[in-house]
Amino acid sequence: AIIPIVIFYLICQKYIIEGVVAGA
């Protein structure tokens, strides 16, 4: 159950920082 969400997060983690910083 953890494997898909970990892979998804590792691929997309940079967008979290970019999006939150840009909005803030």
mmCIF file of all heavy atoms, coordinates in Angstrom:
data_MODEL
# 
_entry.id   MODEL 
# 
loop_
_atom_site.group_PDB 
_atom_site.id 
_atom_site.type_symbol 
_atom_site.label_atom_id 
_atom_site.label_alt_id 
_atom_site.label_comp_id 
_atom_site.label_asym_id 
_atom_site.label_entity_id 
_atom_site.label_seq_id 
_atom_site.pdbx_PDB_ins_code 
_atom_site.Cartn_x 
_atom_site.Cartn_y 
_atom_site.Cartn_z 
_atom_site.occupancy 
_atom_site.B_iso_or_equiv 
_atom_site.pdbx_formal_charge 
_atom_site.auth_seq_id 
_atom_site.auth_comp_id 
_atom_site.auth_asym_id 
_atom_site.auth_atom_id 
_atom_site.pdbx_PDB_model_num 
ATOM 1   N N   . ALA A 1 1  ? 0.820  -1.211 0.000   1.00 0.00 ? 1  ALA A N   1 
ATOM 2   C CA  . ALA A 1 1  ? 0.000  0.000  0.000   1.00 0.00 ? 1  ALA A CA  1 
ATOM 3   C C   . ALA A 1 1  ? 0.852  1.257  0.000   1.00 0.00 ? 1  ALA A C   1 
ATOM 4   O O   . ALA A 1 1  ? 0.460  2.289  -0.554  1.00 0.00 ? 1  ALA A O   1 
ATOM 5   C CB  . ALA A 1 1  ? -0.924 -0.005 1.223   1.00 0.00 ? 1  ALA A CB  1 
ATOM 6   N N   . ILE A 1 2  ? 2.030  1.160  0.617   1.00 0.00 ? 2  ILE A N   1 
ATOM 7   C CA  . ILE A 1 2  ? 2.913  2.324  0.713   1.00 0.00 ? 2  ILE A CA  1 
ATOM 8   C C   . ILE A 1 2  ? 3.653  2.585  -0.588  1.00 0.00 ? 2  ILE A C   1 
ATOM 9   O O   . ILE A 1 2  ? 3.865  3.751  -0.967  1.00 0.00 ? 2  ILE A O   1 
ATOM 10  C CB  . ILE A 1 2  ? 3.919  2.123  1.867   1.00 0.00 ? 2  ILE A CB  1 
ATOM 11  C CG1 . ILE A 1 2  ? 3.205  2.161  3.216   1.00 0.00 ? 2  ILE A CG1 1 
ATOM 12  C CG2 . ILE A 1 2  ? 5.019  3.174  1.828   1.00 0.00 ? 2  ILE A CG2 1 
ATOM 13  C CD1 . ILE A 1 2  ? 4.096  1.769  4.379   1.00 0.00 ? 2  ILE A CD1 1 
ATOM 14  N N   . ILE A 1 3  ? 4.032  1.543  -1.289  1.00 0.00 ? 3  ILE A N   1 
ATOM 15  C CA  . ILE A 1 3  ? 4.897  1.692  -2.466  1.00 0.00 ? 3  ILE A CA  1 
ATOM 16  C C   . ILE A 1 3  ? 4.340  2.671  -3.504  1.00 0.00 ? 3  ILE A C   1 
ATOM 17  O O   . ILE A 1 3  ? 5.060  3.575  -3.954  1.00 0.00 ? 3  ILE A O   1 
ATOM 18  C CB  . ILE A 1 3  ? 5.175  0.313  -3.110  1.00 0.00 ? 3  ILE A CB  1 
ATOM 19  C CG1 . ILE A 1 3  ? 6.109  -0.499 -2.216  1.00 0.00 ? 3  ILE A CG1 1 
ATOM 20  C CG2 . ILE A 1 3  ? 5.794  0.473  -4.498  1.00 0.00 ? 3  ILE A CG2 1 
ATOM 21  C CD1 . ILE A 1 3  ? 6.359  -1.919 -2.696  1.00 0.00 ? 3  ILE A CD1 1 
ATOM 22  N N   . PRO A 1 4  ? 3.065  2.555  -3.944  1.00 0.00 ? 4  PRO A N   1 
ATOM 23  C CA  . PRO A 1 4  ? 2.584  3.495  -4.970  1.00 0.00 ? 4  PRO A CA  1 
ATOM 24  C C   . PRO A 1 4  ? 2.629  4.950  -4.530  1.00 0.00 ? 4  PRO A C   1 
ATOM 25  O O   . PRO A 1 4  ? 3.011  5.826  -5.312  1.00 0.00 ? 4  PRO A O   1 
ATOM 26  C CB  . PRO A 1 4  ? 1.135  3.034  -5.209  1.00 0.00 ? 4  PRO A CB  1 
ATOM 27  C CG  . PRO A 1 4  ? 1.096  1.629  -4.735  1.00 0.00 ? 4  PRO A CG  1 
ATOM 28  C CD  . PRO A 1 4  ? 2.038  1.552  -3.599  1.00 0.00 ? 4  PRO A CD  1 
ATOM 29  N N   . ILE A 1 5  ? 2.249  5.219  -3.277  1.00 0.00 ? 5  ILE A N   1 
ATOM 30  C CA  . ILE A 1 5  ? 2.191  6.607  -2.828  1.00 0.00 ? 5  ILE A CA  1 
ATOM 31  C C   . ILE A 1 5  ? 3.590  7.175  -2.623  1.00 0.00 ? 5  ILE A C   1 
ATOM 32  O O   . ILE A 1 5  ? 3.830  8.360  -2.850  1.00 0.00 ? 5  ILE A O   1 
ATOM 33  C CB  . ILE A 1 5  ? 1.348  6.713  -1.540  1.00 0.00 ? 5  ILE A CB  1 
ATOM 34  C CG1 . ILE A 1 5  ? 0.799  8.135  -1.378  1.00 0.00 ? 5  ILE A CG1 1 
ATOM 35  C CG2 . ILE A 1 5  ? 2.116  6.294  -0.322  1.00 0.00 ? 5  ILE A CG2 1 
ATOM 36  C CD1 . ILE A 1 5  ? -0.218 8.508  -2.410  1.00 0.00 ? 5  ILE A CD1 1 
ATOM 37  N N   . VAL A 1 6  ? 4.553  6.329  -2.223  1.00 0.00 ? 6  VAL A N   1 
ATOM 38  C CA  . VAL A 1 6  ? 5.930  6.792  -2.072  1.00 0.00 ? 6  VAL A CA  1 
ATOM 39  C C   . VAL A 1 6  ? 6.531  7.134  -3.428  1.00 0.00 ? 6  VAL A C   1 
ATOM 40  O O   . VAL A 1 6  ? 7.182  8.177  -3.604  1.00 0.00 ? 6  VAL A O   1 
ATOM 41  C CB  . VAL A 1 6  ? 6.782  5.732  -1.348  1.00 0.00 ? 6  VAL A CB  1 
ATOM 42  C CG1 . VAL A 1 6  ? 8.263  6.084  -1.431  1.00 0.00 ? 6  VAL A CG1 1 
ATOM 43  C CG2 . VAL A 1 6  ? 6.353  5.610  0.110   1.00 0.00 ? 6  VAL A CG2 1 
ATOM 44  N N   . ILE A 1 7  ? 6.310  6.269  -4.413  1.00 0.00 ? 7  ILE A N   1 
ATOM 45  C CA  . ILE A 1 7  ? 6.808  6.538  -5.765  1.00 0.00 ? 7  ILE A CA  1 
ATOM 46  C C   . ILE A 1 7  ? 6.192  7.812  -6.325  1.00 0.00 ? 7  ILE A C   1 
ATOM 47  O O   . ILE A 1 7  ? 6.878  8.670  -6.896  1.00 0.00 ? 7  ILE A O   1 
ATOM 48  C CB  . ILE A 1 7  ? 6.516  5.343  -6.689  1.00 0.00 ? 7  ILE A CB  1 
ATOM 49  C CG1 . ILE A 1 7  ? 7.299  4.107  -6.234  1.00 0.00 ? 7  ILE A CG1 1 
ATOM 50  C CG2 . ILE A 1 7  ? 6.853  5.683  -8.139  1.00 0.00 ? 7  ILE A CG2 1 
ATOM 51  C CD1 . ILE A 1 7  ? 6.975  2.851  -7.012  1.00 0.00 ? 7  ILE A CD1 1 
ATOM 52  N N   . PHE A 1 8  ? 4.873  7.950  -6.149  1.00 0.00 ? 8  PHE A N   1 
ATOM 53  C CA  . PHE A 1 8  ? 4.180  9.143  -6.628  1.00 0.00 ? 8  PHE A CA  1 
ATOM 54  C C   . PHE A 1 8  ? 4.731  10.397 -5.965  1.00 0.00 ? 8  PHE A C   1 
ATOM 55  O O   . PHE A 1 8  ? 4.959  11.416 -6.624  1.00 0.00 ? 8  PHE A O   1 
ATOM 56  C CB  . PHE A 1 8  ? 2.684  9.003  -6.337  1.00 0.00 ? 8  PHE A CB  1 
ATOM 57  C CG  . PHE A 1 8  ? 1.850  10.189 -6.752  1.00 0.00 ? 8  PHE A CG  1 
ATOM 58  C CD1 . PHE A 1 8  ? 1.521  10.391 -8.079  1.00 0.00 ? 8  PHE A CD1 1 
ATOM 59  C CD2 . PHE A 1 8  ? 1.410  11.102 -5.820  1.00 0.00 ? 8  PHE A CD2 1 
ATOM 60  C CE1 . PHE A 1 8  ? 0.765  11.483 -8.473  1.00 0.00 ? 8  PHE A CE1 1 
ATOM 61  C CE2 . PHE A 1 8  ? 0.653  12.196 -6.193  1.00 0.00 ? 8  PHE A CE2 1 
ATOM 62  C CZ  . PHE A 1 8  ? 0.324  12.389 -7.520  1.00 0.00 ? 8  PHE A CZ  1 
ATOM 63  N N   . TYR A 1 9  ? 4.972  10.326 -4.673  1.00 0.00 ? 9  TYR A N   1 
ATOM 64  C CA  . TYR A 1 9  ? 5.476  11.494 -3.949  1.00 0.00 ? 9  TYR A CA  1 
ATOM 65  C C   . TYR A 1 9  ? 6.893  11.849 -4.382  1.00 0.00 ? 9  TYR A C   1 
ATOM 66  O O   . TYR A 1 9  ? 7.215  13.025 -4.585  1.00 0.00 ? 9  TYR A O   1 
ATOM 67  C CB  . TYR A 1 9  ? 5.437  11.238 -2.447  1.00 0.00 ? 9  TYR A CB  1 
ATOM 68  C CG  . TYR A 1 9  ? 5.999  12.386 -1.636  1.00 0.00 ? 9  TYR A CG  1 
ATOM 69  C CD1 . TYR A 1 9  ? 5.247  13.536 -1.404  1.00 0.00 ? 9  TYR A CD1 1 
ATOM 70  C CD2 . TYR A 1 9  ? 7.292  12.328 -1.119  1.00 0.00 ? 9  TYR A CD2 1 
ATOM 71  C CE1 . TYR A 1 9  ? 5.755  14.593 -0.678  1.00 0.00 ? 9  TYR A CE1 1 
ATOM 72  C CE2 . TYR A 1 9  ? 7.813  13.384 -0.384  1.00 0.00 ? 9  TYR A CE2 1 
ATOM 73  C CZ  . TYR A 1 9  ? 7.041  14.509 -0.172  1.00 0.00 ? 9  TYR A CZ  1 
ATOM 74  O OH  . TYR A 1 9  ? 7.555  15.550 0.543   1.00 0.00 ? 9  TYR A OH  1 
ATOM 75  N N   . LEU A 1 10 ? 7.765  10.851 -4.542  1.00 0.00 ? 10 LEU A N   1 
ATOM 76  C CA  . LEU A 1 10 ? 9.143  11.121 -4.930  1.00 0.00 ? 10 LEU A CA  1 
ATOM 77  C C   . LEU A 1 10 ? 9.226  11.758 -6.311  1.00 0.00 ? 10 LEU A C   1 
ATOM 78  O O   . LEU A 1 10 ? 10.082 12.613 -6.567  1.00 0.00 ? 10 LEU A O   1 
ATOM 79  C CB  . LEU A 1 10 ? 9.953  9.824  -4.898  1.00 0.00 ? 10 LEU A CB  1 
ATOM 80  C CG  . LEU A 1 10 ? 10.206 9.224  -3.512  1.00 0.00 ? 10 LEU A CG  1 
ATOM 81  C CD1 . LEU A 1 10 ? 10.945 7.894  -3.639  1.00 0.00 ? 10 LEU A CD1 1 
ATOM 82  C CD2 . LEU A 1 10 ? 10.977 10.189 -2.629  1.00 0.00 ? 10 LEU A CD2 1 
ATOM 83  N N   . ILE A 1 11 ? 8.329  11.344 -7.199  1.00 0.00 ? 11 ILE A N   1 
ATOM 84  C CA  . ILE A 1 11 ? 8.323  11.911 -8.550  1.00 0.00 ? 11 ILE A CA  1 
ATOM 85  C C   . ILE A 1 11 ? 7.847  13.367 -8.534  1.00 0.00 ? 11 ILE A C   1 
ATOM 86  O O   . ILE A 1 11 ? 8.366  14.215 -9.263  1.00 0.00 ? 11 ILE A O   1 
ATOM 87  C CB  . ILE A 1 11 ? 7.438  11.066 -9.483  1.00 0.00 ? 11 ILE A CB  1 
ATOM 88  C CG1 . ILE A 1 11 ? 8.053  9.675  -9.679  1.00 0.00 ? 11 ILE A CG1 1 
ATOM 89  C CG2 . ILE A 1 11 ? 7.244  11.758 -10.836 1.00 0.00 ? 11 ILE A CG2 1 
ATOM 90  C CD1 . ILE A 1 11 ? 7.171  8.723  -10.467 1.00 0.00 ? 11 ILE A CD1 1 
ATOM 91  N N   . CYS A 1 12 ? 6.880  13.658 -7.677  1.00 0.00 ? 12 CYS A N   1 
ATOM 92  C CA  . CYS A 1 12 ? 6.212  14.962 -7.733  1.00 0.00 ? 12 CYS A CA  1 
ATOM 93  C C   . CYS A 1 12 ? 6.573  15.901 -6.594  1.00 0.00 ? 12 CYS A C   1 
ATOM 94  O O   . CYS A 1 12 ? 5.999  16.990 -6.506  1.00 0.00 ? 12 CYS A O   1 
ATOM 95  C CB  . CYS A 1 12 ? 4.698  14.763 -7.734  1.00 0.00 ? 12 CYS A CB  1 
ATOM 96  S SG  . CYS A 1 12 ? 4.070  13.740 -9.074  1.00 0.00 ? 12 CYS A SG  1 
ATOM 97  N N   . GLN A 1 13 ? 7.513  15.536 -5.716  1.00 0.00 ? 13 GLN A N   1 
ATOM 98  C CA  . GLN A 1 13 ? 7.749  16.336 -4.522  1.00 0.00 ? 13 GLN A CA  1 
ATOM 99  C C   . GLN A 1 13 ? 8.226  17.757 -4.846  1.00 0.00 ? 13 GLN A C   1 
ATOM 100 O O   . GLN A 1 13 ? 7.917  18.708 -4.113  1.00 0.00 ? 13 GLN A O   1 
ATOM 101 C CB  . GLN A 1 13 ? 8.761  15.646 -3.618  1.00 0.00 ? 13 GLN A CB  1 
ATOM 102 C CG  . GLN A 1 13 ? 10.144 15.469 -4.220  1.00 0.00 ? 13 GLN A CG  1 
ATOM 103 C CD  . GLN A 1 13 ? 11.125 14.880 -3.241  1.00 0.00 ? 13 GLN A CD  1 
ATOM 104 O OE1 . GLN A 1 13 ? 10.976 15.043 -2.041  1.00 0.00 ? 13 GLN A OE1 1 
ATOM 105 N NE2 . GLN A 1 13 ? 12.135 14.183 -3.732  1.00 0.00 ? 13 GLN A NE2 1 
ATOM 106 N N   . LYS A 1 14 ? 8.974  17.928 -5.931  1.00 0.00 ? 14 LYS A N   1 
ATOM 107 C CA  . LYS A 1 14 ? 9.468  19.258 -6.255  1.00 0.00 ? 14 LYS A CA  1 
ATOM 108 C C   . LYS A 1 14 ? 8.338  20.226 -6.567  1.00 0.00 ? 14 LYS A C   1 
ATOM 109 O O   . LYS A 1 14 ? 8.452  21.437 -6.326  1.00 0.00 ? 14 LYS A O   1 
ATOM 110 C CB  . LYS A 1 14 ? 10.444 19.199 -7.427  1.00 0.00 ? 14 LYS A CB  1 
ATOM 111 C CG  . LYS A 1 14 ? 9.815  18.774 -8.749  1.00 0.00 ? 14 LYS A CG  1 
ATOM 112 C CD  . LYS A 1 14 ? 10.837 18.821 -9.869  1.00 0.00 ? 14 LYS A CD  1 
ATOM 113 C CE  . LYS A 1 14 ? 10.210 18.454 -11.211 1.00 0.00 ? 14 LYS A CE  1 
ATOM 114 N NZ  . LYS A 1 14 ? 11.194 18.529 -12.312 1.00 0.00 ? 14 LYS A NZ  1 
ATOM 115 N N   . TYR A 1 15 ? 7.222  19.703 -7.088  1.00 0.00 ? 15 TYR A N   1 
ATOM 116 C CA  . TYR A 1 15 ? 6.098  20.576 -7.410  1.00 0.00 ? 15 TYR A CA  1 
ATOM 117 C C   . TYR A 1 15 ? 5.410  21.076 -6.151  1.00 0.00 ? 15 TYR A C   1 
ATOM 118 O O   . TYR A 1 15 ? 4.791  22.143 -6.158  1.00 0.00 ? 15 TYR A O   1 
ATOM 119 C CB  . TYR A 1 15 ? 5.093  19.825 -8.284  1.00 0.00 ? 15 TYR A CB  1 
ATOM 120 C CG  . TYR A 1 15 ? 5.639  19.452 -9.639  1.00 0.00 ? 15 TYR A CG  1 
ATOM 121 C CD1 . TYR A 1 15 ? 5.992  18.148 -9.933  1.00 0.00 ? 15 TYR A CD1 1 
ATOM 122 C CD2 . TYR A 1 15 ? 5.816  20.417 -10.630 1.00 0.00 ? 15 TYR A CD2 1 
ATOM 123 C CE1 . TYR A 1 15 ? 6.492  17.798 -11.167 1.00 0.00 ? 15 TYR A CE1 1 
ATOM 124 C CE2 . TYR A 1 15 ? 6.326  20.083 -11.869 1.00 0.00 ? 15 TYR A CE2 1 
ATOM 125 C CZ  . TYR A 1 15 ? 6.659  18.764 -12.136 1.00 0.00 ? 15 TYR A CZ  1 
ATOM 126 O OH  . TYR A 1 15 ? 7.176  18.428 -13.370 1.00 0.00 ? 15 TYR A OH  1 
ATOM 127 N N   . ILE A 1 16 ? 5.484  20.320 -5.058  1.00 0.00 ? 16 ILE A N   1 
ATOM 128 C CA  . ILE A 1 16 ? 4.888  20.778 -3.805  1.00 0.00 ? 16 ILE A CA  1 
ATOM 129 C C   . ILE A 1 16 ? 5.589  22.053 -3.340  1.00 0.00 ? 16 ILE A C   1 
ATOM 130 O O   . ILE A 1 16 ? 4.961  23.055 -3.002  1.00 0.00 ? 16 ILE A O   1 
ATOM 131 C CB  . ILE A 1 16 ? 4.988  19.691 -2.715  1.00 0.00 ? 16 ILE A CB  1 
ATOM 132 C CG1 . ILE A 1 16 ? 4.153  18.478 -3.107  1.00 0.00 ? 16 ILE A CG1 1 
ATOM 133 C CG2 . ILE A 1 16 ? 4.534  20.227 -1.375  1.00 0.00 ? 16 ILE A CG2 1 
ATOM 134 C CD1 . ILE A 1 16 ? 4.193  17.372 -2.088  1.00 0.00 ? 16 ILE A CD1 1 
ATOM 135 N N   . ILE A 1 17 ? 6.922  22.020 -3.339  1.00 0.00 ? 17 ILE A N   1 
ATOM 136 C CA  . ILE A 1 17 ? 7.687  23.183 -2.889  1.00 0.00 ? 17 ILE A CA  1 
ATOM 137 C C   . ILE A 1 17 ? 7.462  24.364 -3.817  1.00 0.00 ? 17 ILE A C   1 
ATOM 138 O O   . ILE A 1 17 ? 7.222  25.491 -3.373  1.00 0.00 ? 17 ILE A O   1 
ATOM 139 C CB  . ILE A 1 17 ? 9.190  22.826 -2.820  1.00 0.00 ? 17 ILE A CB  1 
ATOM 140 C CG1 . ILE A 1 17 ? 9.402  21.672 -1.840  1.00 0.00 ? 17 ILE A CG1 1 
ATOM 141 C CG2 . ILE A 1 17 ? 10.015 24.039 -2.409  1.00 0.00 ? 17 ILE A CG2 1 
ATOM 142 C CD1 . ILE A 1 17 ? 10.822 21.140 -1.809  1.00 0.00 ? 17 ILE A CD1 1 
ATOM 143 N N   . GLU A 1 18 ? 7.512  24.135 -5.122  1.00 0.00 ? 18 GLU A N   1 
ATOM 144 C CA  . GLU A 1 18 ? 7.318  25.223 -6.087  1.00 0.00 ? 18 GLU A CA  1 
ATOM 145 C C   . GLU A 1 18 ? 5.942  25.852 -5.942  1.00 0.00 ? 18 GLU A C   1 
ATOM 146 O O   . GLU A 1 18 ? 5.795  27.078 -5.932  1.00 0.00 ? 18 GLU A O   1 
ATOM 147 C CB  . GLU A 1 18 ? 7.502  24.697 -7.513  1.00 0.00 ? 18 GLU A CB  1 
ATOM 148 C CG  . GLU A 1 18 ? 8.935  24.276 -7.848  1.00 0.00 ? 18 GLU A CG  1 
ATOM 149 C CD  . GLU A 1 18 ? 9.052  23.715 -9.242  1.00 0.00 ? 18 GLU A CD  1 
ATOM 150 O OE1 . GLU A 1 18 ? 8.011  23.665 -9.942  1.00 0.00 ? 18 GLU A OE1 1 
ATOM 151 O OE2 . GLU A 1 18 ? 10.155 23.331 -9.639  1.00 0.00 ? 18 GLU A OE2 1 
ATOM 152 N N   . GLY A 1 19 ? 4.912  25.024 -5.830  1.00 0.00 ? 19 GLY A N   1 
ATOM 153 C CA  . GLY A 1 19 ? 3.557  25.539 -5.754  1.00 0.00 ? 19 GLY A CA  1 
ATOM 154 C C   . GLY A 1 19 ? 3.272  26.284 -4.476  1.00 0.00 ? 19 GLY A C   1 
ATOM 155 O O   . GLY A 1 19 ? 2.699  27.375 -4.483  1.00 0.00 ? 19 GLY A O   1 
ATOM 156 N N   . VAL A 1 20 ? 3.696  25.731 -3.338  1.00 0.00 ? 20 VAL A N   1 
ATOM 157 C CA  . VAL A 1 20 ? 3.432  26.376 -2.059  1.00 0.00 ? 20 VAL A CA  1 
ATOM 158 C C   . VAL A 1 20 ? 4.214  27.672 -1.938  1.00 0.00 ? 20 VAL A C   1 
ATOM 159 O O   . VAL A 1 20 ? 3.689  28.703 -1.493  1.00 0.00 ? 20 VAL A O   1 
ATOM 160 C CB  . VAL A 1 20 ? 3.783  25.427 -0.895  1.00 0.00 ? 20 VAL A CB  1 
ATOM 161 C CG1 . VAL A 1 20 ? 3.697  26.155 0.435   1.00 0.00 ? 20 VAL A CG1 1 
ATOM 162 C CG2 . VAL A 1 20 ? 2.830  24.239 -0.898  1.00 0.00 ? 20 VAL A CG2 1 
ATOM 163 N N   . VAL A 1 21 ? 5.487  27.667 -2.343  1.00 0.00 ? 21 VAL A N   1 
ATOM 164 C CA  . VAL A 1 21 ? 6.290  28.887 -2.278  1.00 0.00 ? 21 VAL A CA  1 
ATOM 165 C C   . VAL A 1 21 ? 5.733  29.958 -3.185  1.00 0.00 ? 21 VAL A C   1 
ATOM 166 O O   . VAL A 1 21 ? 5.640  31.133 -2.812  1.00 0.00 ? 21 VAL A O   1 
ATOM 167 C CB  . VAL A 1 21 ? 7.762  28.576 -2.642  1.00 0.00 ? 21 VAL A CB  1 
ATOM 168 C CG1 . VAL A 1 21 ? 8.554  29.879 -2.802  1.00 0.00 ? 21 VAL A CG1 1 
ATOM 169 C CG2 . VAL A 1 21 ? 8.392  27.712 -1.556  1.00 0.00 ? 21 VAL A CG2 1 
ATOM 170 N N   . ALA A 1 22 ? 5.341  29.581 -4.407  1.00 0.00 ? 22 ALA A N   1 
ATOM 171 C CA  . ALA A 1 22 ? 4.782  30.564 -5.341  1.00 0.00 ? 22 ALA A CA  1 
ATOM 172 C C   . ALA A 1 22 ? 3.510  31.170 -4.794  1.00 0.00 ? 22 ALA A C   1 
ATOM 173 O O   . ALA A 1 22 ? 3.279  32.385 -4.855  1.00 0.00 ? 22 ALA A O   1 
ATOM 174 C CB  . ALA A 1 22 ? 4.517  29.917 -6.691  1.00 0.00 ? 22 ALA A CB  1 
ATOM 175 N N   . GLY A 1 23 ? 2.631  30.354 -4.221  1.00 0.00 ? 23 GLY A N   1 
ATOM 176 C CA  . GLY A 1 23 ? 1.375  30.870 -3.682  1.00 0.00 ? 23 GLY A CA  1 
ATOM 177 C C   . GLY A 1 23 ? 1.583  31.707 -2.446  1.00 0.00 ? 23 GLY A C   1 
ATOM 178 O O   . GLY A 1 23 ? 0.877  32.698 -2.233  1.00 0.00 ? 23 GLY A O   1 
ATOM 179 N N   . ALA A 1 24 ? 2.571  31.345 -1.606  1.00 0.00 ? 24 ALA A N   1 
ATOM 180 C CA  . ALA A 1 24 ? 2.778  32.060 -0.365  1.00 0.00 ? 24 ALA A CA  1 
ATOM 181 C C   . ALA A 1 24 ? 3.501  33.393 -0.598  1.00 0.00 ? 24 ALA A C   1 
ATOM 182 O O   . ALA A 1 24 ? 3.139  34.433 -0.042  1.00 0.00 ? 24 ALA A O   1 
ATOM 183 C CB  . ALA A 1 24 ? 3.583  31.205 0.604   1.00 0.00 ? 24 ALA A CB  1 
# 
